[in-house]
Every structure is written in structure tokens, then in C-alpha cells.
Protein backbone atom coordinates (compact mmCIF):
# COMPACT_ATOMS: atom_id res chain seq x y z
CA MET A 1 7.00 50.93 25.58
CA LYS A 2 3.76 50.08 27.44
CA HIS A 3 3.68 47.94 30.30
CA PHE A 4 0.95 45.87 31.44
CA PHE A 5 1.68 44.11 33.93
CA LEU A 6 -0.42 41.25 34.97
CA SER A 7 -1.32 39.84 38.54
CA VAL A 8 -3.46 37.45 39.11
CA SER A 9 -1.67 33.27 38.27
CA LEU A 10 -3.81 30.42 36.82
CA PRO A 11 -5.10 27.04 38.50
CA LEU A 12 -4.46 24.28 36.15
CA ILE A 13 -7.44 22.51 35.16
CA PHE A 14 -6.20 19.63 32.71
CA SER A 15 -8.81 17.16 30.67
CA SER A 16 -9.29 13.53 31.47
CA CYS A 17 -6.11 11.57 30.04
CA ALA A 18 -7.66 8.82 29.06
CA SER A 19 -6.56 8.79 25.68
CA MET A 20 -2.61 8.79 26.11
CA MET A 21 -0.73 9.45 23.07
CA ALA A 22 0.69 7.03 20.61
CA ASP A 23 4.55 6.77 19.83
CA GLY A 24 7.17 8.48 17.32
CA GLY A 25 6.51 7.20 13.99
CA GLU A 26 2.89 7.92 13.26
CA THR A 27 1.19 8.46 10.23
CA ALA A 28 -0.64 11.62 9.47
CA SER A 29 -3.77 9.23 9.45
CA ASP A 30 -3.13 8.48 12.83
CA LEU A 31 -2.40 11.09 14.19
CA LEU A 32 -5.76 12.86 12.92
CA TYR A 33 -7.43 10.43 15.73
CA GLN A 34 -5.70 11.50 18.53
CA TYR A 35 -7.86 13.85 21.08
CA GLN A 36 -7.09 17.18 22.78
CA ASP A 37 -7.01 15.56 25.96
CA SER A 38 -4.19 13.00 24.96
CA ILE A 39 -2.36 16.26 24.48
CA LEU A 40 -2.93 17.84 27.41
CA CYS A 41 -2.14 14.71 29.96
CA HIS A 42 2.14 15.75 28.28
CA THR A 43 2.07 19.48 28.79
CA ASP A 44 4.70 18.91 31.70
CA GLU A 45 6.90 17.56 28.96
CA TYR A 46 7.37 20.74 27.57
CA GLY A 47 9.28 24.20 28.39
CA ASP A 48 8.58 27.03 29.40
CA SER A 49 9.92 29.23 26.97
CA ILE A 50 7.68 30.16 24.12
CA SER A 51 9.58 30.73 20.72
CA ILE A 52 8.15 32.03 17.56
CA LYS A 53 8.76 29.60 14.21
CA TYR A 54 5.65 30.35 12.12
CA ALA A 55 3.86 33.71 12.75
CA LYS A 56 5.11 36.78 11.01
CA GLY A 57 3.28 39.20 13.56
CA LEU A 58 4.71 38.66 17.52
CA LYS A 59 8.20 38.78 18.50
CA VAL A 60 8.59 37.58 21.90
CA ASP A 61 12.01 38.32 24.49
CA TYR A 62 12.66 37.46 27.87
CA LYS A 63 14.61 40.08 29.77
CA GLY A 64 15.51 40.67 33.43
CA ASP A 65 11.99 42.86 34.06
CA GLY A 66 9.76 40.38 31.78
CA ILE A 67 8.11 39.00 28.96
CA HIS A 68 8.93 41.52 26.35
CA VAL A 69 6.29 41.13 23.46
CA ALA A 70 5.85 43.18 20.27
CA ILE A 71 2.91 42.35 17.84
CA SER A 72 2.21 43.70 14.68
CA ASN A 73 0.60 43.53 11.47
CA PRO A 74 1.63 40.34 9.66
CA ASP A 75 -0.31 41.19 5.95
CA PRO A 76 2.59 42.28 3.32
CA SER A 77 0.44 44.03 2.04
CA ALA A 78 -0.34 46.60 5.19
CA LYS A 79 1.16 49.77 4.59
CA SER A 80 1.76 50.83 7.77
CA SER A 81 1.66 48.67 10.73
CA LYS A 82 2.19 50.49 14.14
CA THR A 83 3.67 47.71 16.83
CA GLU A 84 2.12 47.39 19.86
CA THR A 85 4.79 46.46 22.40
CA PHE A 86 4.05 45.33 26.28
CA VAL A 87 5.43 43.55 28.74
CA ILE A 88 4.20 40.58 30.84
CA THR A 89 5.38 40.09 34.14
CA LYS A 90 2.43 37.71 35.70
CA PRO A 91 0.33 35.90 34.17
CA SER A 92 -3.77 36.68 34.20
CA ARG A 93 -6.73 34.74 34.35
CA ARG A 94 -9.52 38.16 32.96
CA PHE A 95 -10.81 38.46 29.18
CA VAL A 96 -12.65 39.60 26.80
CA CYS A 97 -12.85 38.45 23.07
CA THR A 98 -14.46 40.78 20.66
CA THR A 99 -14.39 37.63 17.62
CA ALA A 100 -14.65 34.58 16.40
CA LEU A 101 -11.22 32.98 16.28
CA GLN A 102 -9.78 34.76 19.88
CA LEU A 103 -12.72 32.15 21.46
CA GLY A 104 -11.06 30.00 19.27
CA ASN A 105 -7.56 31.09 20.73
CA PHE A 106 -8.72 30.09 23.86
CA GLU A 107 -10.87 26.70 23.48
CA VAL A 108 -8.13 24.94 21.55
CA LEU A 109 -6.05 25.29 24.75
CA GLY A 110 -9.18 24.38 27.07
CA LEU A 111 -8.95 27.73 29.03
CA GLU A 112 -12.60 28.67 27.50
CA ASP A 113 -13.40 29.82 31.43
CA LEU A 114 -10.84 32.37 31.46
CA ILE A 115 -13.25 34.55 29.24
CA VAL A 116 -15.16 36.67 30.65
CA GLY A 117 -17.16 38.66 28.00
CA THR A 118 -17.23 38.24 24.18
CA ASN A 119 -19.13 40.24 22.03
CA SER A 120 -23.00 39.17 20.49
CA LEU A 121 -21.52 36.61 17.87
CA LYS A 122 -24.33 35.68 15.47
CA ASN A 123 -22.96 31.72 15.56
CA LEU A 124 -21.30 30.65 18.56
CA PHE A 125 -20.83 27.29 18.66
CA SER A 126 -18.21 26.53 22.09
CA ASP A 127 -20.73 24.80 23.87
CA ARG A 128 -18.27 25.67 27.63
CA ILE A 129 -19.19 29.02 26.65
CA LYS A 130 -22.84 29.27 25.68
CA GLU A 131 -22.80 27.57 29.27
CA GLN A 132 -20.94 30.47 31.15
CA ILE A 133 -23.25 32.92 29.38
CA LYS A 134 -26.25 31.06 30.46
CA GLU A 135 -24.77 30.50 33.86
CA GLY A 136 -23.43 34.36 34.16
CA LYS A 137 -19.62 33.60 34.15
CA THR A 138 -19.09 35.05 30.56
CA VAL A 139 -20.80 37.97 29.59
CA ARG A 140 -21.87 40.04 26.00
CA ILE A 141 -20.65 43.20 25.48
CA GLY A 142 -22.36 44.36 22.36
CA LYS A 143 -20.84 44.69 18.79
CA GLU A 144 -18.44 46.83 17.50
CA GLY A 145 -19.46 50.23 17.81
CA ASN A 146 -22.32 49.62 20.43
CA PHE A 147 -20.52 48.35 23.02
CA ASP A 148 -22.46 47.86 26.79
CA MET A 149 -19.27 49.99 28.54
CA GLU A 150 -20.99 49.32 32.17
CA THR A 151 -20.85 45.62 31.32
CA VAL A 152 -17.26 45.87 29.99
CA ILE A 153 -15.96 47.52 33.19
CA ALA A 154 -18.56 45.14 35.69
CA ALA A 155 -16.49 41.93 34.08
CA LYS A 156 -13.14 43.01 35.32
CA PRO A 157 -11.20 42.12 32.28
CA ASP A 158 -7.35 42.22 32.67
CA PHE A 159 -7.07 42.63 28.72
CA ILE A 160 -9.70 43.20 25.79
CA PHE A 161 -8.71 41.59 22.47
CA VAL A 162 -10.06 43.43 19.40
CA SER A 163 -9.34 42.91 15.69
CA ALA A 164 -7.66 45.77 13.58
CA SER A 165 -10.15 44.77 10.70
CA LYS A 166 -13.35 46.19 12.51
CA HIS A 167 -12.05 49.88 11.66
CA GLY A 168 -13.59 51.96 14.37
CA GLY A 169 -15.36 49.77 15.98
CA PHE A 170 -13.32 49.64 19.22
CA GLU A 171 -12.58 53.26 19.84
CA SER A 172 -15.00 53.42 22.58
CA LEU A 173 -12.80 50.60 24.62
CA LYS A 174 -9.97 53.06 24.60
CA ASP A 175 -11.80 55.26 27.85
CA CYS A 176 -11.88 51.84 29.91
CA GLY A 177 -8.71 52.23 31.00
CA ILE A 178 -8.54 48.69 29.99
CA PRO A 179 -5.19 47.79 27.99
CA LEU A 180 -6.59 46.59 24.15
CA ILE A 181 -4.49 44.04 22.04
CA HIS A 182 -4.90 43.63 18.96
CA HIS A 183 -4.93 40.10 17.69
CA HIS A 184 -3.47 39.95 14.30
CA GLY A 185 -3.46 36.09 14.24
CA TYR A 186 -6.47 35.50 11.12
CA LYS A 187 -3.57 38.43 9.05
CA GLU A 188 -1.08 35.49 8.65
CA THR A 189 -0.90 33.70 5.30
CA ASN A 190 1.09 30.67 6.86
CA PRO A 191 -1.44 28.51 7.86
CA LEU A 192 0.94 27.33 11.09
CA GLY A 193 1.48 31.30 11.54
CA GLN A 194 -2.19 31.67 12.26
CA ALA A 195 -2.48 28.72 14.58
CA GLU A 196 1.14 30.25 16.54
CA TRP A 197 -0.93 33.03 17.95
CA ILE A 198 -2.30 30.46 21.08
CA LYS A 199 1.44 30.95 21.87
CA LEU A 200 0.62 34.59 22.66
CA VAL A 201 -2.62 33.30 24.84
CA GLY A 202 -0.30 31.18 26.59
CA LEU A 203 2.21 33.88 27.21
CA LEU A 204 -0.78 35.91 29.05
CA THR A 205 -2.62 33.59 31.26
CA GLY A 206 0.79 31.47 32.24
CA GLU A 207 0.12 28.75 30.69
CA THR A 208 3.31 28.47 28.45
CA LYS A 209 3.95 24.75 28.72
CA ARG A 210 0.32 23.88 27.70
CA ALA A 211 0.61 26.30 24.56
CA ASN A 212 3.64 25.09 23.55
CA ALA A 213 2.01 21.49 23.87
CA VAL A 214 -1.18 21.90 21.75
CA PHE A 215 0.85 23.95 19.25
CA ALA A 216 3.18 20.76 18.88
CA ASP A 217 1.13 18.43 18.16
CA ILE A 218 -0.97 21.29 15.48
CA GLU A 219 2.40 21.12 13.68
CA LYS A 220 3.12 17.74 13.69
CA LYS A 221 0.08 16.81 12.32
CA TYR A 222 0.16 19.48 10.06
CA ASN A 223 3.76 18.64 8.27
CA THR A 224 3.31 15.19 8.79
CA LEU A 225 0.28 15.29 6.46
CA LYS A 226 2.32 17.83 4.25
CA LYS A 227 5.35 15.91 3.63
CA GLU A 228 3.41 12.77 2.99
CA ILE A 229 1.09 14.96 0.03
CA ALA A 230 5.17 15.94 -1.27
CA LYS A 231 5.90 12.10 -1.42
CA LYS A 232 2.84 10.85 -2.94
CA LYS A 233 2.66 13.96 -5.91
CA GLY A 234 6.04 13.57 -6.60
CA GLY A 235 6.42 14.53 -10.74
CA LYS A 236 2.93 13.44 -11.08
CA LYS A 237 0.49 15.92 -12.53
CA LEU A 238 -1.68 17.59 -10.26
CA PRO A 239 -5.27 18.66 -9.63
CA THR A 240 -6.35 22.53 -10.43
CA ILE A 241 -8.53 24.35 -8.16
CA VAL A 242 -10.74 27.42 -8.60
CA SER A 243 -11.89 29.30 -5.57
CA GLY A 244 -15.07 31.44 -4.44
CA ARG A 245 -17.64 32.54 -6.29
CA GLN A 246 -20.07 35.52 -8.02
CA ILE A 247 -20.81 38.35 -4.88
CA ARG A 248 -22.69 40.56 -5.65
CA ASP A 249 -20.52 42.72 -8.17
CA GLY A 250 -17.81 40.35 -8.83
CA TRP A 251 -16.17 37.12 -8.26
CA TYR A 252 -14.62 36.67 -5.00
CA PHE A 253 -11.42 34.92 -4.85
CA VAL A 254 -8.63 34.37 -2.53
CA GLY A 255 -5.92 35.61 -3.41
CA GLY A 256 -2.40 33.80 -4.93
CA LYS A 257 -0.08 34.85 -1.76
CA SER A 258 -3.33 33.81 0.95
CA TYR A 259 -3.91 31.42 3.58
CA MET A 260 -6.29 29.37 1.81
CA ALA A 261 -3.82 29.34 -1.53
CA GLN A 262 -0.88 28.12 0.79
CA LEU A 263 -2.87 24.67 1.78
CA PHE A 264 -4.34 24.27 -1.78
CA LYS A 265 -0.89 24.06 -2.35
CA ASP A 266 0.54 22.14 0.81
CA ALA A 267 -2.86 20.04 -0.48
CA GLY A 268 -1.05 18.89 -3.47
CA THR A 269 -2.79 21.16 -5.88
CA ASN A 270 -2.46 23.92 -8.68
CA TYR A 271 -4.46 27.04 -7.86
CA VAL A 272 -5.34 28.62 -10.48
CA MET A 273 -5.37 32.02 -9.87
CA GLY A 274 -1.87 31.50 -8.19
CA ASP A 275 0.02 34.18 -10.22
CA ASN A 276 -2.09 36.94 -8.30
CA GLN A 277 0.01 38.69 -5.84
CA GLU A 278 -2.63 39.95 -3.08
CA SER A 279 -3.31 38.08 0.71
CA GLY A 280 -6.28 38.79 0.86
CA GLY A 281 -9.40 38.40 -0.68
CA VAL A 282 -9.78 39.75 -4.48
CA THR A 283 -12.62 40.39 -6.69
CA HIS A 284 -12.84 40.76 -10.57
CA ASP A 285 -15.23 40.70 -13.01
CA PHE A 286 -17.17 37.22 -13.55
CA GLU A 287 -15.91 36.40 -16.92
CA SER A 288 -12.10 36.31 -16.09
CA VAL A 289 -12.08 34.07 -13.45
CA TYR A 290 -14.80 31.58 -14.97
CA ALA A 291 -12.36 31.91 -17.86
CA LYS A 292 -9.34 30.77 -15.60
CA GLY A 293 -11.37 28.17 -13.38
CA ILE A 294 -14.01 26.54 -16.17
CA HIS A 295 -12.14 23.52 -16.40
CA ALA A 296 -10.60 23.51 -12.81
CA ASP A 297 -10.49 19.84 -11.64
CA PHE A 298 -11.86 21.48 -8.06
CA TRP A 299 -13.66 24.08 -6.75
CA GLN A 300 -13.72 25.56 -3.17
CA THR A 301 -16.44 28.14 -1.92
CA ASP A 302 -18.24 28.81 1.59
CA GLY A 303 -21.03 31.18 3.12
CA SER A 304 -23.69 30.69 5.85
CA PHE A 305 -26.60 28.94 4.08
CA ASP A 306 -29.70 27.91 6.85
CA GLY A 307 -30.17 23.98 5.40
CA GLU A 308 -28.06 22.10 2.58
CA TYR A 309 -26.13 23.64 0.57
CA THR A 310 -25.94 20.94 -2.11
CA LEU A 311 -24.80 21.41 -5.69
CA LYS A 312 -28.67 22.69 -6.97
CA THR A 313 -28.49 25.69 -4.55
CA LEU A 314 -25.14 26.83 -6.20
CA ALA A 315 -26.60 26.29 -9.57
CA ALA A 316 -29.92 28.69 -8.96
CA GLU A 317 -27.00 31.16 -8.15
CA ASP A 318 -26.11 31.32 -11.28
CA GLU A 319 -26.75 29.12 -14.46
CA ARG A 320 -23.01 29.60 -15.81
CA TYR A 321 -21.78 27.43 -12.79
CA THR A 322 -23.41 24.77 -13.94
CA THR A 323 -20.86 24.81 -17.15
CA MET A 324 -17.81 24.49 -14.78
CA ASP A 325 -16.09 21.23 -14.85
CA ALA A 326 -15.72 20.55 -11.47
CA TYR A 327 -19.50 21.31 -10.68
CA LYS A 328 -20.31 18.79 -13.65
CA ASN A 329 -18.15 16.42 -11.80
CA GLY A 330 -19.12 16.68 -8.07
CA LYS A 331 -15.72 18.18 -7.05
CA VAL A 332 -17.25 21.05 -5.45
CA LEU A 333 -15.90 21.95 -1.88
CA PHE A 334 -18.40 24.22 0.24
CA CYS A 335 -17.94 24.78 3.68
CA ASN A 336 -20.96 26.23 5.58
CA LEU A 337 -20.25 28.95 8.12
CA ALA A 338 -23.82 29.17 9.69
CA LYS A 339 -23.05 24.99 10.50
CA THR A 340 -19.59 24.28 11.11
CA PRO A 341 -17.53 26.31 14.01
CA TYR A 342 -15.19 28.00 11.00
CA ARG A 343 -14.82 31.10 12.28
CA GLU A 344 -13.70 30.26 15.75
CA LEU A 345 -11.48 27.29 15.28
CA ALA A 346 -10.37 26.42 11.83
CA GLY A 347 -7.48 29.36 12.49
CA VAL A 348 -6.22 27.04 14.99
CA GLN A 349 -6.85 23.71 13.33
CA PRO A 350 -4.71 23.83 10.12
CA HIS A 351 -4.07 20.33 9.77
CA PHE A 352 -7.77 19.42 9.83
CA LEU A 353 -8.29 21.80 7.03
CA LEU A 354 -5.27 20.71 5.18
CA ALA A 355 -6.91 17.35 5.42
CA ASP A 356 -9.89 18.29 4.33
CA PHE A 357 -8.82 19.23 1.28
CA VAL A 358 -6.43 16.11 1.12
CA LYS A 359 -9.47 13.75 1.24
CA ALA A 360 -11.58 15.35 -1.64
CA PHE A 361 -7.85 15.60 -3.50
CA HIS A 362 -6.09 12.75 -2.74
CA PRO A 363 -9.06 10.27 -1.05
CA ASP A 364 -7.14 7.00 -0.87
CA MET A 365 -4.59 8.72 1.53
CA LEU A 366 -7.10 9.08 4.32
CA PRO A 367 -10.22 7.07 3.60
CA HIS A 368 -11.36 7.36 7.62
CA TYR A 369 -11.14 10.72 7.95
CA THR A 370 -14.23 12.48 8.15
CA PRO A 371 -13.83 16.35 7.08
CA HIS A 372 -14.47 19.06 9.50
CA TYR A 373 -15.04 22.19 7.46
CA TYR A 374 -15.08 21.51 3.62
CA LYS A 375 -17.02 18.44 2.20
CA LEU A 376 -17.83 17.64 -1.36
CA ILE A 377 -21.56 18.61 -2.06
CA LYS A 378 -23.85 16.52 -4.26
């Protein structure tokens, strides 16, 4: 077992407490309007101990010599997953993040000031991190496979978060002598399980109360909306949805056991590819997906687009799209990855993703809600 000993304590920097949390009994619509600063006002109401409820790739055990953490790949399709173990004895305050989602884990906790280095992301949305880069408090370390090792070492990080999906891209970082932690949050198939990885950041930084408070808020908002959907749909016929679109040689869509498929289910829809057993992205021939999705009520897709992505834009990609019911009825949900912080924050804001879909599928439920990521295009 590897022992990572952390040595620096973290001063708490709380956001303004101007917005207080409302009393219990709120509807999902009420809860979605509560702001982050109001949550951080109530961190002292939460315990110090971390327990894992949804995440399959995280295990935490409190022992006499410290907090034992075990990390593994939660993807059920993974052929093998080496378990990474370490012991936390003291909090740390210097981290390098190499993916947008890792940044988001710090952002949602209000701990951006602990990020001393990040890779050269094409789209960075956090104003705080942008300012820290401008001021030299956070440095850019390059991209996978081409990191500036001198910059990494000079940043003096206590830990470097890496991603298992970047095969071979992080090999050079092993020579720095700085502990690497694989962040597998993006592999969780439960939306709340992905968000629960913020508790790992809470453990490493000593901000366990903060992590518990923020996650409890996410969980409450998500589950409240989920329950309201379940109550509303009852025995009614549910709308159907198809995902993805043609990318190069095939139609790329989310697997039936994926994170997004679970969101579709929780939002009260039937996914036309729900019988698929994959937990990640899948590519099939255009005709097979088209045949299943042509009469779907809704259509979810995403991509990076410079400008406003419209139905006309979609049709220009392939004329066959215009024959699909969701296209003809204006029921296409699109997330522009170049215009929204989806890669940074969607993984730790599953309540907003769920609300985005509910807004489209059941508009009477959230009449005043403004979508964060997925919007119906015109």
C-alpha cells in the first residue's frame, strides 16, 4: 500500500452568506433556485466523516493511522481495474488537474485556489481559474504526452489528478516523484455517483464538511425532482428519446447502461436504445439507429459549434435527419460544448442536467427554469 502523507492545512474561505437556505418541504422548482453561497453558509451543520453512497469507484475507511482510500474504475465493462490505495493523514492544498471535470470538482466546492496547475484546455470557463492563470497562481503544464516537466515540478503540487482514458499520456508525470491519483468519476454510471467524487477532494483537502454539505444539496435537488417525475408519470405513456448522430463512419449514441441513459430514465422517458448493454458510447450503422429513432419524440445530441446550432445546422449534416419525428416537431435537445461548461461542471451538477431534460419532456413541471446545458433548438 502506498502512503501519501499530506502536510499543509487549508484555511476556509467561505462565500457570502447573504442567501440563506429555505426550510424543508421545498419542491424541486424551489430547490433549483438556491445558490451555492447559501449552501456554504451551512457547512458546520454537517459531519467531518465521509461515507460513500453512490460512487462505485471510491471506498473510504477510517483507521488509526489515517483515512484509507481505495480508488478503482467503476465502469462495469472494464476488463480489469487496478485498485489504487493510499492513506491520508493531513490535508493538502496544492493540486494539478489534467481534465475539465477534475477542475469542476474543485469549482463546485469553491476551492479553485488550490489548483496550482492545469493542462492547456481548449475551452476553460471558470473565471476564477482564468484569473489565477493570469496572475500566475495557476500554471498551464501543457497537454497529455507533451507536459512541461519543469513547470510541473516548479508548481510543487502535492498531488496530480490524471485520467485513465488518456492512455500513455501521463507516463512522463510518473518521473516527477509527485503522487498521481486517477480520477474515475467520469466512469460512474449513476449521475449521483459521478458527483460524489467531490468527496475525494474533500478528503484530500480536509474540507470534508464542505464536501458533505455541497453533495447533500446536489443529492436533495436531484432526488426531489426524480421523485416528482415518478409521481407525475404514474402509469402514463412516457415520451421516447433517441441520442447522438452520425459521426464519421457510424451513428454514435450513448449506451443503454450509461450515465446519460440513467438521466433519461430519471427524467421520465423511454430510451429507444435502452436495451443496449454498454455503459459508454457506442457506434452502430446509421440505418439501424435511424430505424429505432425515426419516431422518437425527442432527440438528444451535443458537439462543439462556433455560433448558434440550429435545426438547419443539423439538417445540413445529413438530410435524412429532417425525416425524423423529433426534428419535424422541433424536439431536438442540443448541448454546445464550446458555449457551456458541460465538461467542467455537468458531472457535478446532475440536478441541472436532469432539470434540463425535465424542462423539455414535461415543461409544465418547471415553467420558470432556464436550462443550463441542453436546450431545444429552433
